[in-house]
Amino acid sequence: MKGRPRGDAGVFRIGAIAERYGIHPQTLRMYEREGLLRPARTEGNTRLYDADTIERLEIILTLTRHLGVNLAGVEVILHMKQRMEKMHGEVQKMLEMFRDELETNRSEGDRSVALARIPGRRYADHR
């Protein structure tokens, strides 16, 4: 694709992204000024759009072009999306902790069951 910097596979310059999505480069700069996009920069200050930034741009364009959402609404939606993703990550961590705890308890329970099966072994609750 035109505008691709050498050596940076999957990273595109502003002109290539503008052409690809049929928008003016000034629109992309405005999205950046509004805080909606944060493209990386080269040492020469050239904007570089990676896969995550492009995905975010696609969300912005869907919301504005197809759903009629204004930029203030886009900002709110993107913020909510970010919070939901963070919460999802926290829930996944908690589930992992619960699974680990369950596995630990299961292992300890298996050990207790195995000890209870030892002939001649007596426990207070097995009298």
N, C-alpha and C. Protein backbone atom coordinates (compact mmCIF):
# COMPACT_ATOMS: atom_id res chain seq x y z
N MET A 1 0.85 -1.18 0.00
CA MET A 1 0.00 0.00 0.00
C MET A 1 0.89 1.24 0.00
N LYS A 2 0.50 2.23 -0.75
CA LYS A 2 1.23 3.48 -0.82
C LYS A 2 1.25 4.15 0.56
N GLY A 3 2.42 4.71 0.92
CA GLY A 3 2.50 5.40 2.19
C GLY A 3 3.06 4.55 3.31
N ARG A 4 3.38 3.32 3.02
CA ARG A 4 3.88 2.42 4.04
C ARG A 4 5.36 2.68 4.29
N PRO A 5 5.76 2.94 5.54
CA PRO A 5 7.16 3.16 5.82
C PRO A 5 7.95 1.87 5.67
N ARG A 6 9.16 1.98 5.23
CA ARG A 6 10.01 0.80 5.05
C ARG A 6 10.34 0.19 6.40
N GLY A 7 10.29 -1.14 6.47
CA GLY A 7 10.68 -1.86 7.67
C GLY A 7 9.61 -1.93 8.74
N ASP A 8 8.48 -1.26 8.57
CA ASP A 8 7.42 -1.28 9.57
C ASP A 8 6.17 -1.91 8.99
N ALA A 9 6.17 -3.23 8.89
CA ALA A 9 5.03 -3.95 8.32
C ALA A 9 3.78 -3.68 9.15
N GLY A 10 2.68 -3.39 8.47
CA GLY A 10 1.42 -3.17 9.16
C GLY A 10 1.26 -1.78 9.74
N VAL A 11 2.17 -0.87 9.41
CA VAL A 11 2.10 0.51 9.89
C VAL A 11 2.01 1.42 8.67
N PHE A 12 1.05 2.34 8.70
CA PHE A 12 0.78 3.17 7.53
C PHE A 12 0.83 4.65 7.87
N ARG A 13 1.18 5.43 6.88
CA ARG A 13 1.22 6.89 7.03
C ARG A 13 -0.17 7.48 6.82
N ILE A 14 -0.32 8.71 7.24
CA ILE A 14 -1.62 9.38 7.21
C ILE A 14 -2.23 9.43 5.80
N GLY A 15 -1.41 9.67 4.78
CA GLY A 15 -1.93 9.75 3.41
C GLY A 15 -2.53 8.44 2.95
N ALA A 16 -1.87 7.34 3.28
CA ALA A 16 -2.37 6.03 2.89
C ALA A 16 -3.69 5.71 3.60
N ILE A 17 -3.78 6.06 4.86
CA ILE A 17 -5.01 5.81 5.63
C ILE A 17 -6.14 6.69 5.09
N ALA A 18 -5.85 7.95 4.83
CA ALA A 18 -6.87 8.87 4.30
C ALA A 18 -7.41 8.34 2.98
N GLU A 19 -6.52 7.90 2.12
CA GLU A 19 -6.94 7.36 0.82
C GLU A 19 -7.75 6.07 0.99
N ARG A 20 -7.27 5.20 1.83
CA ARG A 20 -7.92 3.90 2.05
C ARG A 20 -9.36 4.07 2.54
N TYR A 21 -9.59 5.07 3.42
CA TYR A 21 -10.92 5.25 4.02
C TYR A 21 -11.72 6.39 3.40
N GLY A 22 -11.16 7.02 2.37
CA GLY A 22 -11.89 8.06 1.69
C GLY A 22 -12.17 9.28 2.54
N ILE A 23 -11.20 9.66 3.36
CA ILE A 23 -11.35 10.85 4.19
C ILE A 23 -10.14 11.76 3.97
N HIS A 24 -10.30 13.00 4.28
CA HIS A 24 -9.21 13.97 4.12
C HIS A 24 -8.23 13.81 5.28
N PRO A 25 -6.94 13.95 5.03
CA PRO A 25 -5.96 13.88 6.12
C PRO A 25 -6.26 14.86 7.26
N GLN A 26 -6.86 16.01 6.94
CA GLN A 26 -7.22 16.97 7.98
C GLN A 26 -8.24 16.38 8.96
N THR A 27 -9.10 15.52 8.45
CA THR A 27 -10.09 14.86 9.32
C THR A 27 -9.36 13.97 10.32
N LEU A 28 -8.37 13.25 9.85
CA LEU A 28 -7.58 12.41 10.75
C LEU A 28 -6.85 13.26 11.79
N ARG A 29 -6.31 14.39 11.36
CA ARG A 29 -5.63 15.29 12.30
C ARG A 29 -6.62 15.84 13.33
N MET A 30 -7.86 16.14 12.89
CA MET A 30 -8.88 16.62 13.81
C MET A 30 -9.23 15.54 14.84
N TYR A 31 -9.38 14.28 14.38
CA TYR A 31 -9.66 13.20 15.31
C TYR A 31 -8.54 13.09 16.35
N GLU A 32 -7.32 13.35 15.91
CA GLU A 32 -6.20 13.31 16.85
C GLU A 32 -6.29 14.49 17.83
N ARG A 33 -6.57 15.68 17.34
CA ARG A 33 -6.71 16.86 18.22
C ARG A 33 -7.81 16.65 19.25
N GLU A 34 -8.89 16.00 18.83
CA GLU A 34 -10.02 15.73 19.72
C GLU A 34 -9.72 14.60 20.71
N GLY A 35 -8.59 13.94 20.53
CA GLY A 35 -8.21 12.85 21.44
C GLY A 35 -8.83 11.51 21.08
N LEU A 36 -9.43 11.42 19.91
CA LEU A 36 -10.08 10.17 19.50
C LEU A 36 -9.09 9.16 18.94
N LEU A 37 -8.03 9.66 18.33
CA LEU A 37 -6.97 8.80 17.77
C LEU A 37 -5.64 9.23 18.34
N ARG A 38 -4.75 8.26 18.50
CA ARG A 38 -3.40 8.55 18.98
C ARG A 38 -2.39 7.77 18.15
N PRO A 39 -2.16 8.22 16.90
CA PRO A 39 -1.18 7.48 16.08
C PRO A 39 0.22 7.65 16.65
N ALA A 40 1.06 6.66 16.41
CA ALA A 40 2.46 6.74 16.81
C ALA A 40 3.14 7.79 15.94
N ARG A 41 4.32 8.19 16.33
CA ARG A 41 5.08 9.18 15.56
C ARG A 41 6.50 8.68 15.34
N THR A 42 7.04 9.03 14.17
CA THR A 42 8.44 8.75 13.90
C THR A 42 9.28 9.84 14.54
N GLU A 43 10.60 9.69 14.48
CA GLU A 43 11.48 10.74 14.99
C GLU A 43 11.27 12.04 14.22
N GLY A 44 10.88 11.93 12.96
CA GLY A 44 10.60 13.11 12.14
C GLY A 44 9.18 13.62 12.32
N ASN A 45 8.44 13.07 13.28
CA ASN A 45 7.08 13.48 13.65
C ASN A 45 6.01 13.06 12.63
N THR A 46 6.29 12.08 11.78
CA THR A 46 5.30 11.55 10.85
C THR A 46 4.34 10.64 11.61
N ARG A 47 3.05 10.80 11.35
CA ARG A 47 2.04 9.96 12.01
C ARG A 47 2.08 8.56 11.40
N LEU A 48 2.04 7.56 12.28
CA LEU A 48 2.03 6.16 11.85
C LEU A 48 0.81 5.47 12.46
N TYR A 49 0.02 4.85 11.60
CA TYR A 49 -1.21 4.18 12.03
C TYR A 49 -0.98 2.67 12.04
N ASP A 50 -1.05 2.08 13.24
CA ASP A 50 -0.90 0.63 13.37
C ASP A 50 -2.29 -0.01 13.39
N ALA A 51 -2.32 -1.32 13.53
CA ALA A 51 -3.59 -2.06 13.46
C ALA A 51 -4.59 -1.59 14.52
N ASP A 52 -4.13 -1.33 15.74
CA ASP A 52 -5.05 -0.88 16.80
C ASP A 52 -5.63 0.49 16.50
N THR A 53 -4.80 1.39 16.00
CA THR A 53 -5.27 2.75 15.66
C THR A 53 -6.24 2.69 14.49
N ILE A 54 -5.96 1.83 13.53
CA ILE A 54 -6.85 1.67 12.38
C ILE A 54 -8.19 1.08 12.82
N GLU A 55 -8.15 0.12 13.72
CA GLU A 55 -9.40 -0.45 14.24
C GLU A 55 -10.24 0.62 14.94
N ARG A 56 -9.58 1.45 15.72
CA ARG A 56 -10.27 2.54 16.41
C ARG A 56 -10.86 3.51 15.39
N LEU A 57 -10.11 3.83 14.33
CA LEU A 57 -10.62 4.70 13.27
C LEU A 57 -11.86 4.09 12.63
N GLU A 58 -11.83 2.80 12.38
CA GLU A 58 -13.00 2.14 11.78
C GLU A 58 -14.22 2.25 12.67
N ILE A 59 -14.03 2.16 13.97
CA ILE A 59 -15.15 2.34 14.90
C ILE A 59 -15.68 3.77 14.80
N ILE A 60 -14.77 4.74 14.80
CA ILE A 60 -15.16 6.14 14.70
C ILE A 60 -15.96 6.37 13.41
N LEU A 61 -15.46 5.84 12.30
CA LEU A 61 -16.14 6.04 11.02
C LEU A 61 -17.50 5.36 10.98
N THR A 62 -17.60 4.19 11.56
CA THR A 62 -18.90 3.50 11.63
C THR A 62 -19.89 4.33 12.44
N LEU A 63 -19.45 4.81 13.58
CA LEU A 63 -20.34 5.60 14.44
C LEU A 63 -20.77 6.89 13.76
N THR A 64 -19.85 7.58 13.10
CA THR A 64 -20.20 8.87 12.49
C THR A 64 -20.91 8.72 11.16
N ARG A 65 -20.42 7.85 10.30
CA ARG A 65 -20.99 7.72 8.95
C ARG A 65 -22.31 6.97 8.93
N HIS A 66 -22.36 5.86 9.64
CA HIS A 66 -23.52 4.96 9.52
C HIS A 66 -24.54 5.13 10.63
N LEU A 67 -24.10 5.61 11.78
CA LEU A 67 -25.03 5.72 12.89
C LEU A 67 -25.34 7.17 13.26
N GLY A 68 -24.67 8.12 12.61
CA GLY A 68 -24.97 9.53 12.83
C GLY A 68 -24.54 10.07 14.18
N VAL A 69 -23.58 9.43 14.82
CA VAL A 69 -23.13 9.88 16.13
C VAL A 69 -22.16 11.05 15.94
N ASN A 70 -22.32 12.10 16.76
CA ASN A 70 -21.39 13.23 16.67
C ASN A 70 -20.10 12.88 17.44
N LEU A 71 -19.08 13.74 17.32
CA LEU A 71 -17.78 13.43 17.92
C LEU A 71 -17.82 13.35 19.44
N ALA A 72 -18.68 14.15 20.07
CA ALA A 72 -18.83 14.05 21.53
C ALA A 72 -19.39 12.68 21.90
N GLY A 73 -20.34 12.20 21.14
CA GLY A 73 -20.90 10.87 21.38
C GLY A 73 -19.88 9.78 21.12
N VAL A 74 -19.07 9.95 20.07
CA VAL A 74 -18.02 8.99 19.76
C VAL A 74 -17.06 8.89 20.94
N GLU A 75 -16.70 10.05 21.50
CA GLU A 75 -15.77 10.06 22.64
C GLU A 75 -16.35 9.28 23.82
N VAL A 76 -17.63 9.51 24.12
CA VAL A 76 -18.29 8.80 25.22
C VAL A 76 -18.31 7.30 24.94
N ILE A 77 -18.67 6.92 23.74
CA ILE A 77 -18.75 5.49 23.38
C ILE A 77 -17.39 4.83 23.47
N LEU A 78 -16.36 5.49 22.95
CA LEU A 78 -15.01 4.91 23.01
C LEU A 78 -14.53 4.78 24.45
N HIS A 79 -14.86 5.76 25.28
CA HIS A 79 -14.48 5.69 26.70
C HIS A 79 -15.19 4.53 27.38
N MET A 80 -16.48 4.37 27.09
CA MET A 80 -17.24 3.25 27.67
C MET A 80 -16.68 1.91 27.19
N LYS A 81 -16.32 1.83 25.92
CA LYS A 81 -15.73 0.61 25.37
C LYS A 81 -14.43 0.27 26.10
N GLN A 82 -13.61 1.28 26.33
CA GLN A 82 -12.34 1.08 27.04
C GLN A 82 -12.59 0.59 28.47
N ARG A 83 -13.56 1.19 29.15
CA ARG A 83 -13.89 0.77 30.52
C ARG A 83 -14.42 -0.66 30.54
N MET A 84 -15.25 -1.00 29.56
CA MET A 84 -15.80 -2.36 29.49
C MET A 84 -14.69 -3.38 29.25
N GLU A 85 -13.73 -3.04 28.40
CA GLU A 85 -12.61 -3.95 28.13
C GLU A 85 -11.77 -4.14 29.39
N LYS A 86 -11.57 -3.04 30.14
CA LYS A 86 -10.81 -3.14 31.40
C LYS A 86 -11.55 -4.02 32.40
N MET A 87 -12.87 -3.81 32.51
CA MET A 87 -13.67 -4.61 33.43
C MET A 87 -13.66 -6.08 33.01
N HIS A 88 -13.72 -6.33 31.71
CA HIS A 88 -13.68 -7.69 31.21
C HIS A 88 -12.37 -8.36 31.62
N GLY A 89 -11.27 -7.63 31.50
CA GLY A 89 -9.97 -8.16 31.92
C GLY A 89 -9.94 -8.47 33.40
N GLU A 90 -10.53 -7.59 34.22
CA GLU A 90 -10.58 -7.82 35.66
C GLU A 90 -11.43 -9.05 36.00
N VAL A 91 -12.55 -9.21 35.31
CA VAL A 91 -13.41 -10.38 35.53
C VAL A 91 -12.66 -11.66 35.14
N GLN A 92 -11.92 -11.61 34.03
CA GLN A 92 -11.14 -12.78 33.61
C GLN A 92 -10.09 -13.15 34.65
N LYS A 93 -9.44 -12.14 35.25
CA LYS A 93 -8.46 -12.40 36.31
C LYS A 93 -9.12 -13.05 37.52
N MET A 94 -10.31 -12.53 37.89
CA MET A 94 -11.03 -13.11 39.03
C MET A 94 -11.43 -14.55 38.74
N LEU A 95 -11.92 -14.82 37.54
CA LEU A 95 -12.29 -16.19 37.18
C LEU A 95 -11.09 -17.12 37.25
N GLU A 96 -9.95 -16.62 36.80
CA GLU A 96 -8.73 -17.42 36.85
C GLU A 96 -8.35 -17.72 38.30
N MET A 97 -8.49 -16.72 39.18
CA MET A 97 -8.21 -16.93 40.60
C MET A 97 -9.16 -17.98 41.19
N PHE A 98 -10.45 -17.87 40.85
CA PHE A 98 -11.44 -18.83 41.35
C PHE A 98 -11.13 -20.24 40.84
N ARG A 99 -10.74 -20.35 39.57
CA ARG A 99 -10.39 -21.67 39.02
C ARG A 99 -9.18 -22.25 39.75
N ASP A 100 -8.17 -21.41 39.98
CA ASP A 100 -6.98 -21.87 40.71
C ASP A 100 -7.35 -22.33 42.12
N GLU A 101 -8.19 -21.53 42.79
CA GLU A 101 -8.62 -21.88 44.15
C GLU A 101 -9.43 -23.17 44.15
N LEU A 102 -10.31 -23.31 43.18
CA LEU A 102 -11.11 -24.53 43.06
C LEU A 102 -10.22 -25.74 42.83
N GLU A 103 -9.24 -25.58 41.96
CA GLU A 103 -8.31 -26.67 41.68
C GLU A 103 -7.50 -27.03 42.92
N THR A 104 -7.07 -26.02 43.67
CA THR A 104 -6.33 -26.26 44.92
C THR A 104 -7.20 -27.00 45.91
N ASN A 105 -8.46 -26.54 46.07
CA ASN A 105 -9.38 -27.20 47.00
C ASN A 105 -9.70 -28.62 46.55
N ARG A 106 -9.84 -28.80 45.26
CA ARG A 106 -10.10 -30.13 44.72
C ARG A 106 -8.94 -31.08 45.02
N SER A 107 -7.74 -30.59 44.82
CA SER A 107 -6.55 -31.40 45.08
C SER A 107 -6.47 -31.76 46.55
N GLU A 108 -6.74 -30.80 47.44
CA GLU A 108 -6.73 -31.08 48.88
C GLU A 108 -7.85 -32.04 49.25
N GLY A 109 -9.01 -31.89 48.60
CA GLY A 109 -10.13 -32.80 48.85
C GLY A 109 -9.81 -34.21 48.39
N ASP A 110 -9.15 -34.35 47.26
CA ASP A 110 -8.74 -35.66 46.76
C ASP A 110 -7.77 -36.31 47.73
N ARG A 111 -6.87 -35.53 48.31
CA ARG A 111 -5.90 -36.05 49.28
C ARG A 111 -6.63 -36.54 50.52
N SER A 112 -7.64 -35.79 51.00
CA SER A 112 -8.42 -36.20 52.17
C SER A 112 -9.17 -37.48 51.89
N VAL A 113 -9.75 -37.57 50.70
CA VAL A 113 -10.48 -38.78 50.33
C VAL A 113 -9.52 -39.97 50.28
N ALA A 114 -8.33 -39.75 49.72
CA ALA A 114 -7.35 -40.82 49.64
C ALA A 114 -6.92 -41.27 51.03
N LEU A 115 -6.72 -40.34 51.96
CA LEU A 115 -6.34 -40.69 53.33
C LEU A 115 -7.46 -41.45 54.02
N ALA A 116 -8.71 -41.08 53.73
CA ALA A 116 -9.85 -41.74 54.36
C ALA A 116 -9.95 -43.19 53.91
N ARG A 117 -9.42 -43.53 52.77
CA ARG A 117 -9.50 -44.88 52.25
C ARG A 117 -8.40 -45.79 52.78
N ILE A 118 -7.44 -45.24 53.52
CA ILE A 118 -6.36 -46.07 54.05
C ILE A 118 -6.94 -47.00 55.11
N PRO A 119 -6.78 -48.31 54.93
CA PRO A 119 -7.33 -49.26 55.91
C PRO A 119 -6.77 -49.00 57.31
N GLY A 120 -7.65 -49.05 58.30
CA GLY A 120 -7.26 -48.86 59.67
C GLY A 120 -7.16 -47.40 60.08
N ARG A 121 -7.30 -46.54 59.16
CA ARG A 121 -7.21 -45.11 59.46
C ARG A 121 -8.58 -44.66 59.95
N ARG A 122 -8.61 -43.95 61.08
CA ARG A 122 -9.87 -43.51 61.65
C ARG A 122 -9.89 -42.00 61.78
N TYR A 123 -11.03 -41.42 61.49
CA TYR A 123 -11.22 -39.98 61.60
C TYR A 123 -12.40 -39.74 62.53
N ALA A 124 -12.42 -38.58 63.15
CA ALA A 124 -13.49 -38.23 64.10
C ALA A 124 -14.86 -38.36 63.46
N ASP A 125 -14.99 -38.02 62.19
CA ASP A 125 -16.31 -38.07 61.56
C ASP A 125 -16.62 -39.44 60.97
N HIS A 126 -15.71 -40.40 61.05
CA HIS A 126 -15.94 -41.74 60.49
C HIS A 126 -16.05 -42.82 61.56
N ARG A 127 -16.42 -42.51 62.78
CA ARG A 127 -16.45 -43.49 63.87
C ARG A 127 -17.62 -44.37 63.82
